[in-house]
C-alpha atoms as a PDB file:
ATOM      1  CA  MET A   1      85.691  14.353  78.421  1.00  0.00           C
ATOM      2  CA  CYS A   2      83.248  16.951  78.236  1.00  0.00           C
ATOM      3  CA  ILE A   3      82.679  17.051  82.055  1.00  0.00           C
ATOM      4  CA  GLU A   4      86.554  17.538  82.570  1.00  0.00           C
ATOM      5  CA  ASN A   5      86.494  20.177  79.890  1.00  0.00           C
ATOM      6  CA  ILE A   6      83.374  21.798  82.004  1.00  0.00           C
ATOM      7  CA  GLY A   7      85.222  21.563  85.061  1.00  0.00           C
ATOM      8  CA  ASN A   8      88.136  23.244  83.273  1.00  0.00           C
ATOM      9  CA  TRP A   9      86.084  25.584  81.978  1.00  0.00           C
ATOM     10  CA  ALA A  10      84.483  26.365  85.216  1.00  0.00           C
ATOM     11  CA  SER A  11      87.709  26.596  86.769  1.00  0.00           C
ATOM     12  CA  TYR A  12      88.751  28.953  84.407  1.00  0.00           C
ATOM     13  CA  ILE A  13      85.875  31.245  84.297  1.00  0.00           C
ATOM     14  CA  MET A  14      86.434  31.376  88.502  1.00  0.00           C
ATOM     15  CA  GLU A  15      89.896  32.253  87.835  1.00  0.00           C
ATOM     16  CA  GLN A  16      89.131  35.274  85.474  1.00  0.00           C
ATOM     17  CA  SER A  17      86.188  36.527  87.959  1.00  0.00           C
ATOM     18  CA  THR A  18      88.612  36.296  90.806  1.00  0.00           C
ATOM     19  CA  LEU A  19      91.319  37.877  88.616  1.00  0.00           C
ATOM     20  CA  ALA A  20      88.680  40.440  87.346  1.00  0.00           C
ATOM     21  CA  ALA A  21      87.841  41.124  91.117  1.00  0.00           C
ATOM     22  CA  ILE A  22      91.509  41.437  92.161  1.00  0.00           C
ATOM     23  CA  ALA A  23      91.717  43.951  89.288  1.00  0.00           C
ATOM     24  CA  ALA A  24      88.809  45.749  90.458  1.00  0.00           C
ATOM     25  CA  VAL A  25      89.972  46.170  94.142  1.00  0.00           C
ATOM     26  CA  THR A  26      93.143  47.573  92.912  1.00  0.00           C
ATOM     27  CA  GLY A  27      91.758  49.793  90.574  1.00  0.00           C
ATOM     28  CA  PHE A  28      89.111  51.169  93.359  1.00  0.00           C
ATOM     29  CA  VAL A  29      92.495  51.362  95.908  1.00  0.00           C
ATOM     30  CA  GLY A  30      94.307  53.398  93.285  1.00  0.00           C
ATOM     31  CA  ALA A  31      91.464  55.659  92.863  1.00  0.00           C
ATOM     32  CA  LEU A  32      91.288  55.944  96.580  1.00  0.00           C
ATOM     33  CA  GLY A  33      94.838  56.517  96.791  1.00  0.00           C
ATOM     34  CA  GLY A  34      94.530  59.248  93.678  1.00  0.00           C
ATOM     35  CA  LEU A  35      91.702  60.915  95.548  1.00  0.00           C
ATOM     36  CA  PHE A  36      93.921  61.256  98.363  1.00  0.00           C
ATOM     37  CA  ALA A  37      96.442  62.727  96.693  1.00  0.00           C
ATOM     38  CA  ALA A  38      94.604  65.197  95.076  1.00  0.00           C
ATOM     39  CA  ILE A  39      92.993  66.483  98.627  1.00  0.00           C
ATOM     40  CA  ALA A  40      96.391  66.353 100.048  1.00  0.00           C
ATOM     41  CA  ALA A  41      97.673  68.545  96.472  1.00  0.00           C
ATOM     42  CA  TYR A  42      94.935  70.669  97.153  1.00  0.00           C
ATOM     43  CA  ARG A  43      95.302  71.663 100.715  1.00  0.00           C
ATOM     44  CA  SER A  44      99.122  71.805  99.828  1.00  0.00           C
ATOM     45  CA  ALA A  45      98.494  74.552  96.973  1.00  0.00           C
ATOM     46  CA  ASP A  46      96.168  76.404  99.900  1.00  0.00           C
ATOM     47  CA  ALA A  47      98.714  76.396 102.239  1.00  0.00           C
ATOM     48  CA  ALA A  48     101.238  77.299  99.836  1.00  0.00           C
ATOM     49  CA  LYS A  49      99.086  80.378  98.748  1.00  0.00           C
ATOM     50  CA  GLU A  50      98.465  81.116 102.661  1.00  0.00           C
ATOM     51  CA  ALA A  51     102.257  81.388 103.098  1.00  0.00           C
ATOM     52  CA  ALA A  52     102.595  83.496 100.113  1.00  0.00           C
ATOM     53  CA  ARG A  53      99.986  85.924 101.008  1.00  0.00           C
ATOM     54  CA  GLN A  54     101.298  85.957 104.576  1.00  0.00           C
ATOM     55  CA  THR A  55     105.186  86.268 103.325  1.00  0.00           C
ATOM     56  CA  HIS A  56     103.576  89.430 101.248  1.00  0.00           C
ATOM     57  CA  GLU A  57     101.982  90.961 104.114  1.00  0.00           C
ATOM     58  CA  VAL A  58     105.210  90.676 106.132  1.00  0.00           C
ATOM     59  CA  GLU A  59     107.033  92.434 103.301  1.00  0.00           C
ATOM     60  CA  ARG A  60     104.549  95.077 103.027  1.00  0.00           C
ATOM     61  CA  ARG A  61     104.664  95.581 106.740  1.00  0.00           C
ATOM     62  CA  GLY A  62     108.728  95.935 106.210  1.00  0.00           C
ATOM     63  CA  LEU A  63     108.497  98.464 103.639  1.00  0.00           C
ATOM     64  CA  VAL A  64     105.659 100.806 105.931  1.00  0.00           C
ATOM     65  CA  ARG A  65     108.507 100.319 108.986  1.00  0.00           C
ATOM     66  CA  ASP A  66     111.313 101.426 106.713  1.00  0.00           C
ATOM     67  CA  ILE A  67     109.463 104.526 105.538  1.00  0.00           C
ATOM     68  CA  ALA A  68     108.350 105.705 109.031  1.00  0.00           C
ATOM     69  CA  ILE A  69     112.143 105.158 110.054  1.00  0.00           C
ATOM     70  CA  ALA A  70     112.904 106.895 107.082  1.00  0.00           C
ATOM     71  CA  ALA A  71     110.801 109.749 107.853  1.00  0.00           C
ATOM     72  CA  ASN A  72     111.700 109.881 111.529  1.00  0.00           C
ATOM     73  CA  ASN A  73     115.216 109.903 110.352  1.00  0.00           C
ATOM     74  CA  VAL A  74     114.590 112.979 108.021  1.00  0.00           C
ATOM     75  CA  ILE A  75     113.044 114.704 110.909  1.00  0.00           C
ATOM     76  CA  ALA A  76     116.430 114.301 113.358  1.00  0.00           C
ATOM     77  CA  GLU A  77     118.643 114.811 110.302  1.00  0.00           C
ATOM     78  CA  THR A  78     116.720 118.374 109.768  1.00  0.00           C
ATOM     79  CA  MET A  79     116.756 119.210 113.344  1.00  0.00           C
ATOM     80  CA  ARG A  80     120.361 118.982 113.422  1.00  0.00           C
ATOM     81  CA  VAL A  81     120.905 120.778 110.389  1.00  0.00           C
ATOM     82  CA  ASP A  82     118.676 123.485 111.741  1.00  0.00           C
ATOM     83  CA  ASP A  83     120.583 123.477 115.133  1.00  0.00           C
ATOM     84  CA  LEU A  84     123.751 123.384 113.362  1.00  0.00           C
ATOM     85  CA  GLY A  85     122.800 126.174 110.950  1.00  0.00           C
ATOM     86  CA  ASN A  86     121.965 128.775 114.077  1.00  0.00           C
ATOM     87  CA  LYS A  87     125.414 127.643 115.218  1.00  0.00           C
ATOM     88  CA  LEU A  88     126.896 128.564 112.082  1.00  0.00           C
ATOM     89  CA  LYS A  89     125.140 132.161 111.746  1.00  0.00           C
ATOM     90  CA  GLN A  90     126.443 132.953 115.443  1.00  0.00           C
ATOM     91  CA  ALA A  91     129.954 131.890 114.292  1.00  0.00           C
ATOM     92  CA  TYR A  92     129.783 134.244 111.345  1.00  0.00           C
ATOM     93  CA  GLN A  93     128.566 136.801 113.539  1.00  0.00           C
ATOM     94  CA  THR A  94     131.272 136.217 115.808  1.00  0.00           C
ATOM     95  CA  LEU A  95     133.682 136.484 112.991  1.00  0.00           C
ATOM     96  CA  ALA A  96     132.293 139.468 111.972  1.00  0.00           C
ATOM     97  CA  THR A  97     132.972 141.377 115.012  1.00  0.00           C
ATOM     98  CA  LEU A  98     136.419 140.356 115.801  1.00  0.00           C
ATOM     99  CA  SER A  99     137.273 141.152 112.327  1.00  0.00           C
ATOM    100  CA  TYR A 100     135.291 144.532 112.712  1.00  0.00           C
ATOM    101  CA  GLN A 101     133.128 143.567 109.782  1.00  0.00           C
ATOM    102  CA  THR A 102     129.984 143.734 111.390  1.00  0.00           C
ATOM    103  CA  GLY A 103     128.087 145.921 108.435  1.00  0.00           C
ATOM    104  CA  GLY A 104     129.992 144.239 106.117  1.00  0.00           C
ATOM    105  CA  SER A 105     128.360 142.445 103.035  1.00  0.00           C
ATOM    106  CA  GLU A 106     130.786 139.418 103.243  1.00  0.00           C
ATOM    107  CA  PRO A 107     129.343 137.978 106.620  1.00  0.00           C
ATOM    108  CA  LYS A 108     125.706 139.057 105.605  1.00  0.00           C
ATOM    109  CA  LEU A 109     125.862 136.732 102.725  1.00  0.00           C
ATOM    110  CA  HIS A 110     126.976 134.218 104.233  1.00  0.00           C
ATOM    111  CA  ILE A 111     124.464 134.287 106.800  1.00  0.00           C
ATOM    112  CA  GLU A 112     121.827 134.807 104.172  1.00  0.00           C
ATOM    113  CA  GLU A 113     123.147 131.425 102.779  1.00  0.00           C
ATOM    114  CA  VAL A 114     122.165 129.612 105.745  1.00  0.00           C
ATOM    115  CA  GLU A 115     119.164 130.832 106.176  1.00  0.00           C
ATOM    116  CA  ARG A 116     118.382 129.970 102.844  1.00  0.00           C
ATOM    117  CA  LYS A 117     119.277 126.262 103.172  1.00  0.00           C
ATOM    118  CA  GLN A 118     117.690 125.872 106.561  1.00  0.00           C
ATOM    119  CA  LYS A 119     114.304 127.133 104.979  1.00  0.00           C
ATOM    120  CA  GLY A 120     115.074 124.786 102.215  1.00  0.00           C
ATOM    121  CA  ILE A 121     115.243 121.835 104.630  1.00  0.00           C
ATOM    122  CA  VAL A 122     111.954 123.233 106.321  1.00  0.00           C
ATOM    123  CA  PRO A 123     109.752 121.449 103.491  1.00  0.00           C
ATOM    124  CA  LEU A 124     111.111 118.335 103.952  1.00  0.00           C
ATOM    125  CA  GLN A 125     110.776 118.113 107.549  1.00  0.00           C
ATOM    126  CA  GLN A 126     107.445 118.895 107.220  1.00  0.00           C
ATOM    127  CA  GLU A 127     106.488 116.226 104.683  1.00  0.00           C
ATOM    128  CA  ALA A 128     108.483 113.676 106.559  1.00  0.00           C
ATOM    129  CA  LEU A 129     106.206 114.915 109.699  1.00  0.00           C
ATOM    130  CA  ASN A 130     103.119 114.271 107.810  1.00  0.00           C
ATOM    131  CA  LEU A 131     103.833 111.207 106.862  1.00  0.00           C
ATOM    132  CA  ILE A 132     104.250 110.038 110.544  1.00  0.00           C
ATOM    133  CA  GLU A 133     100.993 111.617 111.232  1.00  0.00           C
ATOM    134  CA  GLN A 134      99.315 109.481 108.105  1.00  0.00           C
ATOM    135  CA  PHE A 135     101.137 105.924 109.339  1.00  0.00           C
ATOM    136  CA  GLU A 136      97.708 104.267 109.220  1.00  0.00           C
ATOM    137  CA  SER A 137      96.913 105.302 105.906  1.00  0.00           C
ATOM    138  CA  LEU A 138     100.237 104.193 104.850  1.00  0.00           C
ATOM    139  CA  ARG A 139      99.056 100.348 105.264  1.00  0.00           C
ATOM    140  CA  LYS A 140      96.480 100.918 103.045  1.00  0.00           C
ATOM    141  CA  SER A 141      98.422 102.428 100.114  1.00  0.00           C
ATOM    142  CA  PRO A 142      99.100 100.475  97.090  1.00  0.00           C
ATOM    143  CA  GLU A 143     102.971  98.801  97.418  1.00  0.00           C
ATOM    144  CA  ASP A 144     104.333 100.873  94.271  1.00  0.00           C
ATOM    145  CA  GLU A 145     103.087 104.258  96.393  1.00  0.00           C
ATOM    146  CA  LEU A 146     104.769 102.938  99.215  1.00  0.00           C
ATOM    147  CA  VAL A 147     108.081 102.254  97.387  1.00  0.00           C
ATOM    148  CA  LYS A 148     107.913 105.798  96.048  1.00  0.00           C
ATOM    149  CA  LEU A 149     107.674 107.223  99.368  1.00  0.00           C
ATOM    150  CA  LEU A 150     110.695 104.885 100.899  1.00  0.00           C
ATOM    151  CA  THR A 151     112.612 106.688  98.020  1.00  0.00           C
ATOM    152  CA  LYS A 152     111.611 109.637  98.534  1.00  0.00           C
ATOM    153  CA  MET A 153     112.243 109.834 102.321  1.00  0.00           C
ATOM    154  CA  GLU A 154     115.682 108.621 101.596  1.00  0.00           C
ATOM    155  CA  GLY A 155     116.542 111.386  99.151  1.00  0.00           C
ATOM    156  CA  TYR A 156     115.408 113.834 101.660  1.00  0.00           C
ATOM    157  CA  LEU A 157     117.806 112.352 104.051  1.00  0.00           C
ATOM    158  CA  VAL A 158     120.379 112.355 101.645  1.00  0.00           C
ATOM    159  CA  HIS A 159     120.067 115.955 100.992  1.00  0.00           C
ATOM    160  CA  ALA A 160     119.648 116.745 104.887  1.00  0.00           C
ATOM    161  CA  ARG A 161     122.835 115.178 105.401  1.00  0.00           C
ATOM    162  CA  ARG A 162     124.500 117.076 102.573  1.00  0.00           C
ATOM    163  CA  VAL A 163     123.670 120.221 104.023  1.00  0.00           C
ATOM    164  CA  LYS A 164     124.632 119.245 107.479  1.00  0.00           C
ATOM    165  CA  GLU A 165     127.871 118.148 106.050  1.00  0.00           C
ATOM    166  CA  LYS A 166     128.672 121.439 104.311  1.00  0.00           C
ATOM    167  CA  PHE A 167     127.372 123.357 107.621  1.00  0.00           C
ATOM    168  CA  ASP A 168     129.710 121.297 109.505  1.00  0.00           C
ATOM    169  CA  HIS A 169     132.918 122.140 107.245  1.00  0.00           C
ATOM    170  CA  ASP A 170     131.991 125.872 107.367  1.00  0.00           C
ATOM    171  CA  LEU A 171     131.824 126.093 111.060  1.00  0.00           C
ATOM    172  CA  GLU A 172     134.838 124.128 111.367  1.00  0.00           C
ATOM    173  CA  SER A 173     136.463 126.657 108.659  1.00  0.00           C
ATOM    174  CA  VAL A 174     134.883 129.955 110.767  1.00  0.00           C
ATOM    175  CA  GLU A 175     136.058 128.611 113.954  1.00  0.00           C
ATOM    176  CA  ARG A 176     139.661 128.124 112.588  1.00  0.00           C
ATOM    177  CA  ASP A 177     139.269 131.396 111.321  1.00  0.00           C
ATOM    178  CA  LYS A 178     138.438 133.081 114.403  1.00  0.00           C
ATOM    179  CA  ALA A 179     141.388 131.305 116.313  1.00  0.00           C
END
């Protein structure tokens, strides 16, 4: 019976060492899988960081582009305002001539008001031109500065459009009075 116990005992030890070996191999495979998972997670985090950087850069370029568009729109609109102002001044002079008020103060006041508004538009146009000339430096500007510039240019554009609408309205009124 002693030999039989020794055989059982040897069999038991072999089973235990086999189980331990299987557990060790399983642990190693698990650790290896964990290592691969960690590498994949690291690469994924790097890819996500790079994608976020690229997205930010695309948004930044879009903001710079929007500033350039707004500045060009300000330039174009201020040029329209100036042309319309010149037509309006000419229309006031023609109306004054037709109504025999050539030396009168009313046509002169209207013309001075148009000239004042035209002069008020010039700085907006100049600032927009300067901004276009500095286009390359915009790319290096802080994002909050870019947002401020875009807001400023959009405000200038609204102002120029208001002046243009006023000149349009006044020109239509003068043209009706001339007829």
